[in-house]
């Protein structure tokens, strides 16, 4: 299953190497336009790890990911389900101008608690 995920980069983890020629690196992003903070890990594999290491916290990212999941169960315990978002392609959208950002913030500041102007 493919998903498109947009957000702001929070951190880039150190790469992990395992097996023969396998590497991975996670980029943690804060999802855009959420009522509450939502952080998800995007996984970059093998040759893409070098690209991930060049990404900077605070920058916007839009990624097309493959959603992968699996179940694991230790004897005598309840099953656990794991999901991951493996990056297929990504882009770094152009940042908004200072003027656009200021106008958006001004509109948010002028709204009352129910989203209407006071």
Protein backbone atom coordinates (compact mmCIF):
# COMPACT_ATOMS: atom_id res chain seq x y z
CA UNK A 1 0.00 0.00 0.00
CA UNK A 2 1.36 3.43 -0.94
CA UNK A 3 0.79 6.55 1.14
CA UNK A 4 1.79 10.17 0.69
CA UNK A 5 2.93 11.76 3.92
CA UNK A 6 3.68 15.45 4.46
CA UNK A 7 5.29 17.06 7.45
CA UNK A 8 8.28 18.82 8.93
CA UNK A 9 11.53 17.02 9.67
CA UNK A 10 12.22 16.77 13.42
CA UNK A 11 15.40 14.67 13.39
CA UNK A 12 17.50 12.30 11.31
CA UNK A 13 18.80 9.23 13.16
CA UNK A 14 22.24 7.71 12.79
CA UNK A 15 22.37 5.00 10.11
CA UNK A 16 22.27 1.37 11.20
CA UNK A 17 24.15 -1.29 9.25
CA UNK A 18 23.26 -4.96 9.42
CA UNK A 19 23.56 -8.07 7.32
CA UNK A 20 25.35 -7.87 4.00
CA UNK A 21 25.19 -4.37 2.53
CA UNK A 22 21.98 -3.40 4.32
CA UNK A 23 21.60 0.02 5.89
CA UNK A 24 18.70 2.03 7.20
CA UNK A 25 18.14 5.49 8.57
CA UNK A 26 14.98 6.96 10.07
CA UNK A 27 13.78 10.50 9.51
CA UNK A 28 11.24 11.50 12.16
CA UNK A 29 8.66 13.96 10.88
CA UNK A 30 5.86 15.90 12.53
CA UNK A 31 2.76 15.42 10.42
CA UNK A 32 1.24 18.54 8.90
CA UNK A 33 -2.15 19.95 9.87
CA UNK A 34 -2.86 17.76 12.90
CA UNK A 35 -4.77 18.91 15.96
CA UNK A 36 -2.27 17.13 18.24
CA UNK A 37 1.41 16.48 17.68
CA UNK A 38 1.93 13.37 15.55
CA UNK A 39 5.49 12.14 14.92
CA UNK A 40 6.14 9.23 12.54
CA UNK A 41 9.38 7.60 11.36
CA UNK A 42 10.11 7.44 7.64
CA UNK A 43 12.63 4.71 6.79
CA UNK A 44 15.30 5.25 4.14
CA UNK A 45 17.09 2.09 2.95
CA UNK A 46 20.55 1.32 1.51
CA UNK A 47 21.71 3.93 -1.05
CA UNK A 48 18.95 6.34 0.05
CA UNK A 49 20.54 6.56 3.52
CA UNK A 50 23.17 9.00 2.21
CA UNK A 51 20.40 11.27 0.92
CA UNK A 52 18.55 11.07 4.25
CA UNK A 53 21.68 12.18 6.10
CA UNK A 54 21.60 15.41 4.07
CA UNK A 55 18.09 16.31 5.24
CA UNK A 56 17.82 19.06 7.85
CA UNK A 57 15.45 19.40 10.81
CA UNK A 58 12.85 22.12 10.30
CA UNK A 59 12.48 21.56 6.56
CA UNK A 60 9.20 20.44 5.02
CA UNK A 61 9.09 17.06 3.30
CA UNK A 62 6.54 15.23 1.17
CA UNK A 63 7.21 11.52 0.79
CA UNK A 64 5.55 8.66 -1.03
CA UNK A 65 5.96 5.61 1.18
CA UNK A 66 5.23 1.92 1.14
CA UNK A 67 3.30 0.96 4.26
CA UNK A 68 4.63 -2.33 5.59
CA UNK A 69 3.50 -4.28 8.61
CA UNK A 70 4.16 -7.54 10.39
CA UNK A 71 3.11 -9.44 13.46
CA UNK A 72 5.45 -10.93 16.05
CA UNK A 73 4.59 -13.06 19.04
CA UNK A 74 6.80 -14.25 21.86
CA UNK A 75 5.72 -17.52 23.42
CA UNK A 76 3.18 -16.94 26.17
CA UNK A 77 2.58 -13.29 25.26
CA UNK A 78 0.04 -11.42 23.18
CA UNK A 79 0.96 -10.74 19.54
CA UNK A 80 2.53 -7.38 18.66
CA UNK A 81 2.04 -5.63 15.35
CA UNK A 82 4.69 -3.38 13.82
CA UNK A 83 4.25 -0.93 10.95
CA UNK A 84 6.83 1.01 8.97
CA UNK A 85 6.84 3.66 6.25
CA UNK A 86 9.58 2.88 3.71
CA UNK A 87 10.32 5.90 1.52
CA UNK A 88 9.94 5.31 -2.22
CA UNK A 89 10.30 8.93 -3.39
CA UNK A 90 10.36 12.30 -1.67
CA UNK A 91 10.48 15.99 -2.38
CA UNK A 92 11.27 19.06 -0.35
CA UNK A 93 8.55 21.63 -1.14
CA UNK A 94 9.60 25.23 -1.50
CA UNK A 95 9.45 26.96 1.87
CA UNK A 96 6.85 29.68 2.32
CA UNK A 97 7.99 33.24 2.21
CA UNK A 98 8.28 35.16 5.47
CA UNK A 99 5.29 37.26 4.35
CA UNK A 100 3.08 34.16 3.78
CA UNK A 101 4.07 32.71 7.13
CA UNK A 102 3.39 36.01 8.93
CA UNK A 103 -0.05 36.33 7.30
CA UNK A 104 -1.01 32.77 8.30
CA UNK A 105 0.14 33.34 11.88
CA UNK A 106 -1.74 36.66 12.01
CA UNK A 107 -4.96 34.93 10.93
CA UNK A 108 -4.50 32.26 13.61
CA UNK A 109 -3.92 34.91 16.29
CA UNK A 110 -7.10 36.80 15.31
CA UNK A 111 -9.35 33.77 15.75
CA UNK A 112 -11.26 32.99 18.93
CA UNK A 113 -11.33 29.55 20.55
CA UNK A 114 -14.05 28.30 18.22
CA UNK A 115 -12.21 29.48 15.08
CA UNK A 116 -14.36 32.58 14.58
CA UNK A 117 -13.32 36.17 14.85
CA UNK A 118 -14.12 37.80 18.16
